[in-house]
All heavy atoms as atom14 arrays in JSON, in Angstrom:
{
  "sequence": "TYVPQGEFATLEVWSEGPPLDQTVERHLFEPFFSSESRSSGLGLYI",
  "atom14_mask": [
    [1, 1, 1, 1, 1, 1, 1, 0, 0, 0, 0, 0, 0, 0],
    [1, 1, 1, 1, 1, 1, 1, 1, 1, 1, 1, 1, 0, 0],
    [1, 1, 1, 1, 1, 1, 1, 0, 0, 0, 0, 0, 0, 0],
    [1, 1, 1, 1, 1, 1, 1, 0, 0, 0, 0, 0, 0, 0],
    [1, 1, 1, 1, 1, 1, 1, 1, 1, 0, 0, 0, 0, 0],
    [1, 1, 1, 1, 0, 0, 0, 0, 0, 0, 0, 0, 0, 0],
    [1, 1, 1, 1, 1, 1, 1, 1, 1, 0, 0, 0, 0, 0],
    [1, 1, 1, 1, 1, 1, 1, 1, 1, 1, 1, 0, 0, 0],
    [1, 1, 1, 1, 1, 0, 0, 0, 0, 0, 0, 0, 0, 0],
    [1, 1, 1, 1, 1, 1, 1, 0, 0, 0, 0, 0, 0, 0],
    [1, 1, 1, 1, 1, 1, 1, 1, 0, 0, 0, 0, 0, 0],
    [1, 1, 1, 1, 1, 1, 1, 1, 1, 0, 0, 0, 0, 0],
    [1, 1, 1, 1, 1, 1, 1, 0, 0, 0, 0, 0, 0, 0],
    [1, 1, 1, 1, 1, 1, 1, 1, 1, 1, 1, 1, 1, 1],
    [1, 1, 1, 1, 1, 1, 0, 0, 0, 0, 0, 0, 0, 0],
    [1, 1, 1, 1, 1, 1, 1, 1, 1, 0, 0, 0, 0, 0],
    [1, 1, 1, 1, 0, 0, 0, 0, 0, 0, 0, 0, 0, 0],
    [1, 1, 1, 1, 1, 1, 1, 0, 0, 0, 0, 0, 0, 0],
    [1, 1, 1, 1, 1, 1, 1, 0, 0, 0, 0, 0, 0, 0],
    [1, 1, 1, 1, 1, 1, 1, 1, 0, 0, 0, 0, 0, 0],
    [1, 1, 1, 1, 1, 1, 1, 1, 0, 0, 0, 0, 0, 0],
    [1, 1, 1, 1, 1, 1, 1, 1, 1, 0, 0, 0, 0, 0],
    [1, 1, 1, 1, 1, 1, 1, 0, 0, 0, 0, 0, 0, 0],
    [1, 1, 1, 1, 1, 1, 1, 0, 0, 0, 0, 0, 0, 0],
    [1, 1, 1, 1, 1, 1, 1, 1, 1, 0, 0, 0, 0, 0],
    [1, 1, 1, 1, 1, 1, 1, 1, 1, 1, 1, 0, 0, 0],
    [1, 1, 1, 1, 1, 1, 1, 1, 1, 1, 0, 0, 0, 0],
    [1, 1, 1, 1, 1, 1, 1, 1, 0, 0, 0, 0, 0, 0],
    [1, 1, 1, 1, 1, 1, 1, 1, 1, 1, 1, 0, 0, 0],
    [1, 1, 1, 1, 1, 1, 1, 1, 1, 0, 0, 0, 0, 0],
    [1, 1, 1, 1, 1, 1, 1, 0, 0, 0, 0, 0, 0, 0],
    [1, 1, 1, 1, 1, 1, 1, 1, 1, 1, 1, 0, 0, 0],
    [1, 1, 1, 1, 1, 1, 1, 1, 1, 1, 1, 0, 0, 0],
    [1, 1, 1, 1, 1, 1, 0, 0, 0, 0, 0, 0, 0, 0],
    [1, 1, 1, 1, 1, 1, 0, 0, 0, 0, 0, 0, 0, 0],
    [1, 1, 1, 1, 1, 1, 1, 1, 1, 0, 0, 0, 0, 0],
    [1, 1, 1, 1, 1, 1, 0, 0, 0, 0, 0, 0, 0, 0],
    [1, 1, 1, 1, 1, 1, 1, 1, 1, 1, 1, 0, 0, 0],
    [1, 1, 1, 1, 1, 1, 0, 0, 0, 0, 0, 0, 0, 0],
    [1, 1, 1, 1, 1, 1, 0, 0, 0, 0, 0, 0, 0, 0],
    [1, 1, 1, 1, 0, 0, 0, 0, 0, 0, 0, 0, 0, 0],
    [1, 1, 1, 1, 1, 1, 1, 1, 0, 0, 0, 0, 0, 0],
    [1, 1, 1, 1, 0, 0, 0, 0, 0, 0, 0, 0, 0, 0],
    [1, 1, 1, 1, 1, 1, 1, 1, 0, 0, 0, 0, 0, 0],
    [1, 1, 1, 1, 1, 1, 1, 1, 1, 1, 1, 1, 0, 0],
    [1, 1, 1, 1, 1, 1, 1, 1, 0, 0, 0, 0, 0, 0]
  ],
  "atom14_positions": [
    [[0.52, 8.63, 14.11], [0.58, 7.44, 14.96], [-0.62, 7.45, 15.9], [-1.05, 8.5, 16.38], [1.87, 7.39, 15.79], [1.94, 8.56, 16.62], [3.09, 7.32, 14.89], [0.0, 0.0, 0.0], [0.0, 0.0, 0.0], [0.0, 0.0, 0.0], [0.0, 0.0, 0.0], [0.0, 0.0, 0.0], [0.0, 0.0, 0.0], [0.0, 0.0, 0.0]],
    [[-1.17, 6.27, 16.16], [-2.3, 6.09, 17.06], [-1.91, 5.03, 18.08], [-1.31, 4.02, 17.75], [-3.56, 5.62, 16.31], [-4.0, 6.52, 15.18], [-3.55, 6.29, 13.88], [-4.85, 7.59, 15.41], [-3.96, 7.1, 12.84], [-5.26, 8.41, 14.37], [-4.81, 8.16, 13.09], [-5.21, 8.96, 12.06], [0.0, 0.0, 0.0], [0.0, 0.0, 0.0]],
    [[-2.31, 5.28, 19.32], [-2.08, 4.3, 20.38], [-3.39, 4.07, 21.11], [-3.65, 4.65, 22.17], [-0.98, 4.76, 21.36], [-0.69, 3.66, 22.38], [0.29, 5.14, 20.62], [0.0, 0.0, 0.0], [0.0, 0.0, 0.0], [0.0, 0.0, 0.0], [0.0, 0.0, 0.0], [0.0, 0.0, 0.0], [0.0, 0.0, 0.0], [0.0, 0.0, 0.0]],
    [[-4.27, 3.28, 20.55], [-5.53, 3.0, 21.24], [-5.33, 2.03, 22.4], [-4.23, 1.51, 22.62], [-6.38, 2.36, 20.13], [-5.38, 1.73, 19.23], [-4.14, 2.6, 19.27], [0.0, 0.0, 0.0], [0.0, 0.0, 0.0], [0.0, 0.0, 0.0], [0.0, 0.0, 0.0], [0.0, 0.0, 0.0], [0.0, 0.0, 0.0], [0.0, 0.0, 0.0]],
    [[-6.39, 1.82, 23.14], [-6.33, 0.86, 24.24], [-6.19, -0.55, 23.66], [-6.9, -0.93, 22.75], [-7.6, 0.96, 25.1], [-7.75, 2.3, 25.81], [-6.67, 2.52, 26.87], [-6.15, 1.57, 27.45], [-6.33, 3.78, 27.12], [0.0, 0.0, 0.0], [0.0, 0.0, 0.0], [0.0, 0.0, 0.0], [0.0, 0.0, 0.0], [0.0, 0.0, 0.0]],
    [[-5.26, -1.3, 24.18], [-5.07, -2.66, 23.69], [-3.6, -2.94, 23.44], [-2.71, -2.2, 23.88], [0.0, 0.0, 0.0], [0.0, 0.0, 0.0], [0.0, 0.0, 0.0], [0.0, 0.0, 0.0], [0.0, 0.0, 0.0], [0.0, 0.0, 0.0], [0.0, 0.0, 0.0], [0.0, 0.0, 0.0], [0.0, 0.0, 0.0], [0.0, 0.0, 0.0]],
    [[-3.33, -4.02, 22.74], [-1.97, -4.48, 22.53], [-1.39, -4.06, 21.18], [-0.32, -4.51, 20.82], [-1.93, -6.01, 22.64], [-2.83, -6.72, 21.65], [-2.76, -8.22, 21.81], [-1.94, -8.7, 22.6], [-3.53, -8.91, 21.11], [0.0, 0.0, 0.0], [0.0, 0.0, 0.0], [0.0, 0.0, 0.0], [0.0, 0.0, 0.0], [0.0, 0.0, 0.0]],
    [[-2.1, -3.18, 20.46], [-1.62, -2.77, 19.15], [-1.51, -1.26, 19.06], [-2.22, -0.52, 19.76], [-2.55, -3.28, 18.03], [-2.63, -4.77, 17.94], [-3.72, -5.45, 18.46], [-1.62, -5.49, 17.34], [-3.8, -6.83, 18.38], [-1.69, -6.87, 17.24], [-2.78, -7.53, 17.77], [0.0, 0.0, 0.0], [0.0, 0.0, 0.0], [0.0, 0.0, 0.0]],
    [[-0.62, -0.8, 18.19], [-0.49, 0.62, 17.84], [-0.54, 0.72, 16.32], [-0.31, -0.27, 15.61], [0.82, 1.2, 18.37], [0.0, 0.0, 0.0], [0.0, 0.0, 0.0], [0.0, 0.0, 0.0], [0.0, 0.0, 0.0], [0.0, 0.0, 0.0], [0.0, 0.0, 0.0], [0.0, 0.0, 0.0], [0.0, 0.0, 0.0], [0.0, 0.0, 0.0]],
    [[-0.85, 1.91, 15.81], [-1.03, 2.1, 14.37], [-0.16, 3.25, 13.88], [-0.11, 4.32, 14.49], [-2.5, 2.39, 14.05], [-3.31, 1.32, 14.53], [-2.7, 2.54, 12.55], [0.0, 0.0, 0.0], [0.0, 0.0, 0.0], [0.0, 0.0, 0.0], [0.0, 0.0, 0.0], [0.0, 0.0, 0.0], [0.0, 0.0, 0.0], [0.0, 0.0, 0.0]],
    [[0.5, 3.0, 12.74], [1.26, 4.02, 12.03], [0.64, 4.14, 10.65], [0.59, 3.17, 9.89], [2.74, 3.62, 11.91], [3.62, 4.5, 11.02], [3.66, 5.93, 11.53], [5.03, 3.92, 10.94], [0.0, 0.0, 0.0], [0.0, 0.0, 0.0], [0.0, 0.0, 0.0], [0.0, 0.0, 0.0], [0.0, 0.0, 0.0], [0.0, 0.0, 0.0]],
    [[0.13, 5.34, 10.32], [-0.62, 5.55, 9.09], [0.07, 6.6, 8.22], [0.54, 7.63, 8.71], [-2.05, 5.98, 9.38], [-2.92, 6.13, 8.14], [-4.3, 6.67, 8.47], [-4.4, 7.87, 8.8], [-5.26, 5.89, 8.4], [0.0, 0.0, 0.0], [0.0, 0.0, 0.0], [0.0, 0.0, 0.0], [0.0, 0.0, 0.0], [0.0, 0.0, 0.0]],
    [[0.13, 6.31, 6.91], [0.64, 7.25, 5.91], [-0.5, 7.55, 4.95], [-0.98, 6.65, 4.25], [1.86, 6.67, 5.17], [2.34, 7.66, 4.11], [2.98, 6.35, 6.14], [0.0, 0.0, 0.0], [0.0, 0.0, 0.0], [0.0, 0.0, 0.0], [0.0, 0.0, 0.0], [0.0, 0.0, 0.0], [0.0, 0.0, 0.0], [0.0, 0.0, 0.0]],
    [[-0.93, 8.81, 4.92], [-2.03, 9.24, 4.06], [-1.52, 10.26, 3.06], [-0.67, 11.11, 3.4], [-3.16, 9.86, 4.9], [-4.32, 10.37, 4.08], [-5.44, 9.68, 3.72], [-4.49, 11.68, 3.54], [-6.28, 10.46, 2.99], [-5.72, 11.72, 2.86], [-3.7, 12.84, 3.56], [-6.19, 12.85, 2.21], [-4.16, 13.97, 2.9], [-5.4, 13.98, 2.25]],
    [[-2.03, 10.2, 1.84], [-1.64, 11.17, 0.81], [-2.83, 11.47, -0.06], [-3.66, 10.6, -0.37], [-0.48, 10.63, -0.04], [-0.87, 9.46, -0.72], [0.0, 0.0, 0.0], [0.0, 0.0, 0.0], [0.0, 0.0, 0.0], [0.0, 0.0, 0.0], [0.0, 0.0, 0.0], [0.0, 0.0, 0.0], [0.0, 0.0, 0.0], [0.0, 0.0, 0.0]],
    [[-2.93, 12.72, -0.45], [-4.0, 13.15, -1.37], [-3.71, 12.6, -2.75], [-2.57, 12.62, -3.21], [-4.06, 14.68, -1.39], [-4.99, 15.27, -2.45], [-4.24, 15.56, -3.74], [-3.03, 15.81, -3.7], [-4.89, 15.52, -4.8], [0.0, 0.0, 0.0], [0.0, 0.0, 0.0], [0.0, 0.0, 0.0], [0.0, 0.0, 0.0], [0.0, 0.0, 0.0]],
    [[-4.74, 12.07, -3.42], [-4.54, 11.53, -4.74], [-5.76, 10.79, -5.24], [-6.71, 10.53, -4.49], [0.0, 0.0, 0.0], [0.0, 0.0, 0.0], [0.0, 0.0, 0.0], [0.0, 0.0, 0.0], [0.0, 0.0, 0.0], [0.0, 0.0, 0.0], [0.0, 0.0, 0.0], [0.0, 0.0, 0.0], [0.0, 0.0, 0.0], [0.0, 0.0, 0.0]],
    [[-5.78, 10.42, -6.53], [-6.92, 9.71, -7.1], [-6.99, 8.28, -6.56], [-6.0, 7.73, -6.08], [-6.62, 9.71, -8.6], [-5.13, 9.8, -8.69], [-4.71, 10.66, -7.53], [0.0, 0.0, 0.0], [0.0, 0.0, 0.0], [0.0, 0.0, 0.0], [0.0, 0.0, 0.0], [0.0, 0.0, 0.0], [0.0, 0.0, 0.0], [0.0, 0.0, 0.0]],
    [[-8.16, 7.66, -6.66], [-8.29, 6.27, -6.16], [-7.52, 5.3, -7.06], [-7.29, 5.55, -8.24], [-9.8, 6.01, -6.22], [-10.31, 6.95, -7.26], [-9.45, 8.19, -7.16], [0.0, 0.0, 0.0], [0.0, 0.0, 0.0], [0.0, 0.0, 0.0], [0.0, 0.0, 0.0], [0.0, 0.0, 0.0], [0.0, 0.0, 0.0], [0.0, 0.0, 0.0]],
    [[-7.11, 4.19, -6.48], [-6.4, 3.17, -7.23], [-7.36, 2.38, -8.11], [-8.53, 2.2, -7.76], [-5.7, 2.2, -6.27], [-4.63, 2.81, -5.35], [-4.04, 1.72, -4.47], [-3.54, 3.49, -6.16], [0.0, 0.0, 0.0], [0.0, 0.0, 0.0], [0.0, 0.0, 0.0], [0.0, 0.0, 0.0], [0.0, 0.0, 0.0], [0.0, 0.0, 0.0]],
    [[-6.87, 1.96, -9.26], [-7.65, 1.08, -10.12], [-7.93, -0.24, -9.39], [-7.11, -0.71, -8.61], [-6.88, 0.82, -11.42], [-7.71, 0.03, -12.41], [-8.46, 0.64, -13.19], [-7.61, -1.21, -12.37], [0.0, 0.0, 0.0], [0.0, 0.0, 0.0], [0.0, 0.0, 0.0], [0.0, 0.0, 0.0], [0.0, 0.0, 0.0], [0.0, 0.0, 0.0]],
    [[-9.1, -0.81, -9.65], [-9.48, -2.03, -8.93], [-8.49, -3.17, -9.19], [-8.2, -3.96, -8.3], [-10.89, -2.47, -9.35], [-11.98, -1.58, -8.78], [-13.36, -2.15, -9.03], [-13.52, -3.12, -9.76], [-14.37, -1.53, -8.44], [0.0, 0.0, 0.0], [0.0, 0.0, 0.0], [0.0, 0.0, 0.0], [0.0, 0.0, 0.0], [0.0, 0.0, 0.0]],
    [[-8.0, -3.25, -10.43], [-7.03, -4.3, -10.73], [-5.75, -4.09, -9.94], [-5.16, -5.04, -9.41], [-6.73, -4.33, -12.23], [-7.95, -4.47, -12.95], [-5.8, -5.46, -12.59], [0.0, 0.0, 0.0], [0.0, 0.0, 0.0], [0.0, 0.0, 0.0], [0.0, 0.0, 0.0], [0.0, 0.0, 0.0], [0.0, 0.0, 0.0], [0.0, 0.0, 0.0]],
    [[-5.31, -2.84, -9.85], [-4.1, -2.53, -9.08], [-4.31, -2.81, -7.6], [-3.45, -3.39, -6.92], [-3.68, -1.07, -9.31], [-2.49, -0.7, -8.44], [-3.35, -0.84, -10.78], [0.0, 0.0, 0.0], [0.0, 0.0, 0.0], [0.0, 0.0, 0.0], [0.0, 0.0, 0.0], [0.0, 0.0, 0.0], [0.0, 0.0, 0.0], [0.0, 0.0, 0.0]],
    [[-5.47, -2.41, -7.08], [-5.75, -2.63, -5.65], [-5.82, -4.12, -5.32], [-5.39, -4.53, -4.25], [-7.08, -1.97, -5.29], [-7.44, -2.07, -3.83], [-8.72, -1.34, -3.49], [-9.21, -0.57, -4.35], [-9.23, -1.53, -2.38], [0.0, 0.0, 0.0], [0.0, 0.0, 0.0], [0.0, 0.0, 0.0], [0.0, 0.0, 0.0], [0.0, 0.0, 0.0]],
    [[-6.34, -4.94, -6.24], [-6.44, -6.36, -5.98], [-5.07, -7.02, -5.87], [-4.89, -7.98, -5.13], [-7.26, -7.02, -7.11], [-7.57, -8.48, -6.85], [-8.65, -9.0, -7.77], [-8.3, -8.88, -9.17], [-8.89, -8.06, -10.02], [-9.86, -7.28, -9.61], [-8.52, -8.02, -11.29], [0.0, 0.0, 0.0], [0.0, 0.0, 0.0], [0.0, 0.0, 0.0]],
    [[-4.08, -6.5, -6.63], [-2.73, -7.08, -6.61], [-1.74, -6.16, -5.91], [-0.54, -6.23, -6.19], [-2.26, -7.35, -8.03], [-3.19, -8.22, -8.83], [-3.26, -9.58, -8.67], [-4.1, -7.91, -9.78], [-4.15, -10.09, -9.5], [-4.69, -9.1, -10.18], [0.0, 0.0, 0.0], [0.0, 0.0, 0.0], [0.0, 0.0, 0.0], [0.0, 0.0, 0.0]],
    [[-2.22, -5.32, -5.01], [-1.39, -4.25, -4.48], [-0.14, -4.76, -3.77], [0.96, -4.24, -3.97], [-2.23, -3.4, -3.51], [-1.68, -2.03, -3.14], [-1.48, -1.18, -4.37], [-2.62, -1.33, -2.17], [0.0, 0.0, 0.0], [0.0, 0.0, 0.0], [0.0, 0.0, 0.0], [0.0, 0.0, 0.0], [0.0, 0.0, 0.0], [0.0, 0.0, 0.0]],
    [[-0.28, -5.79, -2.97], [0.84, -6.27, -2.17], [1.49, -7.53, -2.75], [2.26, -8.2, -2.07], [0.38, -6.56, -0.73], [-0.08, -5.33, -0.01], [-1.43, -5.02, 0.1], [0.84, -4.46, 0.57], [-1.85, -3.88, 0.77], [0.43, -3.33, 1.24], [-0.92, -3.03, 1.33], [0.0, 0.0, 0.0], [0.0, 0.0, 0.0], [0.0, 0.0, 0.0]],
    [[1.18, -7.83, -4.02], [1.8, -8.98, -4.65], [3.16, -8.59, -5.23], [3.35, -7.46, -5.67], [0.91, -9.53, -5.76], [-0.4, -10.11, -5.23], [-1.25, -10.7, -6.33], [-0.76, -10.73, -7.48], [-2.39, -11.11, -6.05], [0.0, 0.0, 0.0], [0.0, 0.0, 0.0], [0.0, 0.0, 0.0], [0.0, 0.0, 0.0], [0.0, 0.0, 0.0]],
    [[4.09, -9.53, -5.26], [5.43, -9.19, -5.78], [5.41, -8.98, -7.29], [4.63, -9.62, -8.01], [6.27, -10.42, -5.41], [5.28, -11.52, -5.3], [4.02, -10.91, -4.79], [0.0, 0.0, 0.0], [0.0, 0.0, 0.0], [0.0, 0.0, 0.0], [0.0, 0.0, 0.0], [0.0, 0.0, 0.0], [0.0, 0.0, 0.0], [0.0, 0.0, 0.0]],
    [[6.23, -8.06, -7.74], [6.46, -7.8, -9.15], [5.23, -7.28, -9.87], [5.1, -7.45, -11.08], [6.97, -9.06, -9.87], [8.09, -9.75, -9.15], [7.89, -11.0, -8.57], [9.32, -9.15, -9.02], [8.91, -11.64, -7.89], [10.36, -9.78, -8.34], [10.15, -11.02, -7.78], [0.0, 0.0, 0.0], [0.0, 0.0, 0.0], [0.0, 0.0, 0.0]],
    [[4.3, -6.67, -9.17], [3.13, -6.07, -9.81], [3.15, -4.57, -9.54], [3.27, -4.13, -8.4], [1.83, -6.66, -9.25], [0.61, -6.19, -10.0], [0.17, -6.87, -11.11], [-0.08, -5.06, -9.59], [-0.95, -6.45, -11.81], [-1.2, -4.63, -10.28], [-1.63, -5.33, -11.39], [0.0, 0.0, 0.0], [0.0, 0.0, 0.0], [0.0, 0.0, 0.0]],
    [[3.06, -3.79, -10.62], [3.11, -2.34, -10.49], [2.29, -1.71, -11.59], [2.13, -2.27, -12.68], [4.57, -1.84, -10.57], [4.63, -0.43, -10.56], [0.0, 0.0, 0.0], [0.0, 0.0, 0.0], [0.0, 0.0, 0.0], [0.0, 0.0, 0.0], [0.0, 0.0, 0.0], [0.0, 0.0, 0.0], [0.0, 0.0, 0.0], [0.0, 0.0, 0.0]],
    [[1.72, -0.54, -11.28], [0.98, 0.21, -12.29], [1.89, 1.0, -13.21], [1.43, 1.59, -14.19], [-0.02, 1.16, -11.6], [0.67, 2.06, -10.74], [0.0, 0.0, 0.0], [0.0, 0.0, 0.0], [0.0, 0.0, 0.0], [0.0, 0.0, 0.0], [0.0, 0.0, 0.0], [0.0, 0.0, 0.0], [0.0, 0.0, 0.0], [0.0, 0.0, 0.0]],
    [[3.18, 1.03, -12.92], [4.15, 1.74, -13.75], [5.06, 0.72, -14.43], [5.51, -0.25, -13.82], [5.0, 2.69, -12.9], [4.2, 3.85, -12.31], [5.1, 4.81, -11.55], [6.22, 4.42, -11.19], [4.69, 5.95, -11.34], [0.0, 0.0, 0.0], [0.0, 0.0, 0.0], [0.0, 0.0, 0.0], [0.0, 0.0, 0.0], [0.0, 0.0, 0.0]],
    [[5.3, 0.96, -15.71], [6.09, 0.0, -16.48], [7.54, -0.05, -16.02], [8.2, -1.09, -16.14], [6.03, 0.36, -17.97], [6.53, 1.68, -18.18], [0.0, 0.0, 0.0], [0.0, 0.0, 0.0], [0.0, 0.0, 0.0], [0.0, 0.0, 0.0], [0.0, 0.0, 0.0], [0.0, 0.0, 0.0], [0.0, 0.0, 0.0], [0.0, 0.0, 0.0]],
    [[8.1, 1.05, -15.46], [9.5, 1.07, -15.05], [9.73, 0.63, -13.62], [10.86, 0.54, -13.17], [10.06, 2.49, -15.23], [10.09, 2.95, -16.68], [10.74, 4.32, -16.79], [10.8, 4.76, -18.17], [11.34, 5.93, -18.56], [11.86, 6.75, -17.66], [11.34, 6.24, -19.84], [0.0, 0.0, 0.0], [0.0, 0.0, 0.0], [0.0, 0.0, 0.0]],
    [[8.66, 0.35, -12.91], [8.8, -0.07, -11.51], [8.94, -1.58, -11.43], [8.36, -2.32, -12.23], [7.58, 0.39, -10.7], [7.65, -0.09, -9.38], [0.0, 0.0, 0.0], [0.0, 0.0, 0.0], [0.0, 0.0, 0.0], [0.0, 0.0, 0.0], [0.0, 0.0, 0.0], [0.0, 0.0, 0.0], [0.0, 0.0, 0.0], [0.0, 0.0, 0.0]],
    [[9.7, -2.04, -10.46], [9.88, -3.48, -10.28], [8.69, -4.13, -9.59], [8.53, -5.34, -9.63], [11.15, -3.76, -9.47], [11.02, -3.24, -8.16], [0.0, 0.0, 0.0], [0.0, 0.0, 0.0], [0.0, 0.0, 0.0], [0.0, 0.0, 0.0], [0.0, 0.0, 0.0], [0.0, 0.0, 0.0], [0.0, 0.0, 0.0], [0.0, 0.0, 0.0]],
    [[7.87, -3.35, -8.91], [6.72, -3.91, -8.21], [7.06, -4.65, -6.94], [6.31, -5.52, -6.5], [0.0, 0.0, 0.0], [0.0, 0.0, 0.0], [0.0, 0.0, 0.0], [0.0, 0.0, 0.0], [0.0, 0.0, 0.0], [0.0, 0.0, 0.0], [0.0, 0.0, 0.0], [0.0, 0.0, 0.0], [0.0, 0.0, 0.0], [0.0, 0.0, 0.0]],
    [[8.2, -4.34, -6.32], [8.62, -5.04, -5.1], [8.45, -4.21, -3.84], [8.57, -4.75, -2.74], [10.1, -5.45, -5.22], [10.42, -6.59, -6.18], [11.91, -6.73, -6.36], [9.82, -7.89, -5.69], [0.0, 0.0, 0.0], [0.0, 0.0, 0.0], [0.0, 0.0, 0.0], [0.0, 0.0, 0.0], [0.0, 0.0, 0.0], [0.0, 0.0, 0.0]],
    [[8.2, -2.9, -3.98], [8.18, -2.02, -2.8], [7.18, -2.43, -1.76], [7.52, -2.7, -0.6], [0.0, 0.0, 0.0], [0.0, 0.0, 0.0], [0.0, 0.0, 0.0], [0.0, 0.0, 0.0], [0.0, 0.0, 0.0], [0.0, 0.0, 0.0], [0.0, 0.0, 0.0], [0.0, 0.0, 0.0], [0.0, 0.0, 0.0], [0.0, 0.0, 0.0]],
    [[5.89, -2.49, -2.13], [4.86, -2.83, -1.16], [4.94, -4.29, -0.74], [4.57, -4.64, 0.4], [3.48, -2.52, -1.75], [3.16, -1.03, -1.93], [1.82, -0.84, -2.6], [3.18, -0.31, -0.58], [0.0, 0.0, 0.0], [0.0, 0.0, 0.0], [0.0, 0.0, 0.0], [0.0, 0.0, 0.0], [0.0, 0.0, 0.0], [0.0, 0.0, 0.0]],
    [[5.43, -5.13, -1.62], [5.61, -6.54, -1.24], [6.65, -6.65, -0.12], [6.46, -7.39, 0.85], [6.03, -7.34, -2.46], [6.48, -8.75, -2.12], [5.56, -9.72, -1.76], [7.83, -9.09, -2.17], [5.97, -11.01, -1.44], [8.25, -10.36, -1.85], [7.32, -11.32, -1.49], [7.73, -12.59, -1.18], [0.0, 0.0, 0.0], [0.0, 0.0, 0.0]],
    [[7.76, -5.92, -0.26], [8.79, -5.93, 0.77], [8.23, -5.36, 2.07], [8.51, -5.86, 3.17], [10.02, -5.15, 0.3], [10.7, -5.89, -0.86], [11.01, -4.95, 1.43], [11.86, -5.15, -1.47], [0.0, 0.0, 0.0], [0.0, 0.0, 0.0], [0.0, 0.0, 0.0], [0.0, 0.0, 0.0], [0.0, 0.0, 0.0], [0.0, 0.0, 0.0]]
  ]
}
């Protein structure tokens, strides 16, 4: 968590791992889009 000067605060989740594919990154927060066939693709959208 970060609390800089101003009216906003930041909560960051970082994990070690390979970079995301550009196609996946472009649709990252869209509903029903996932890089895994068994995933519903709703997590990041929610």
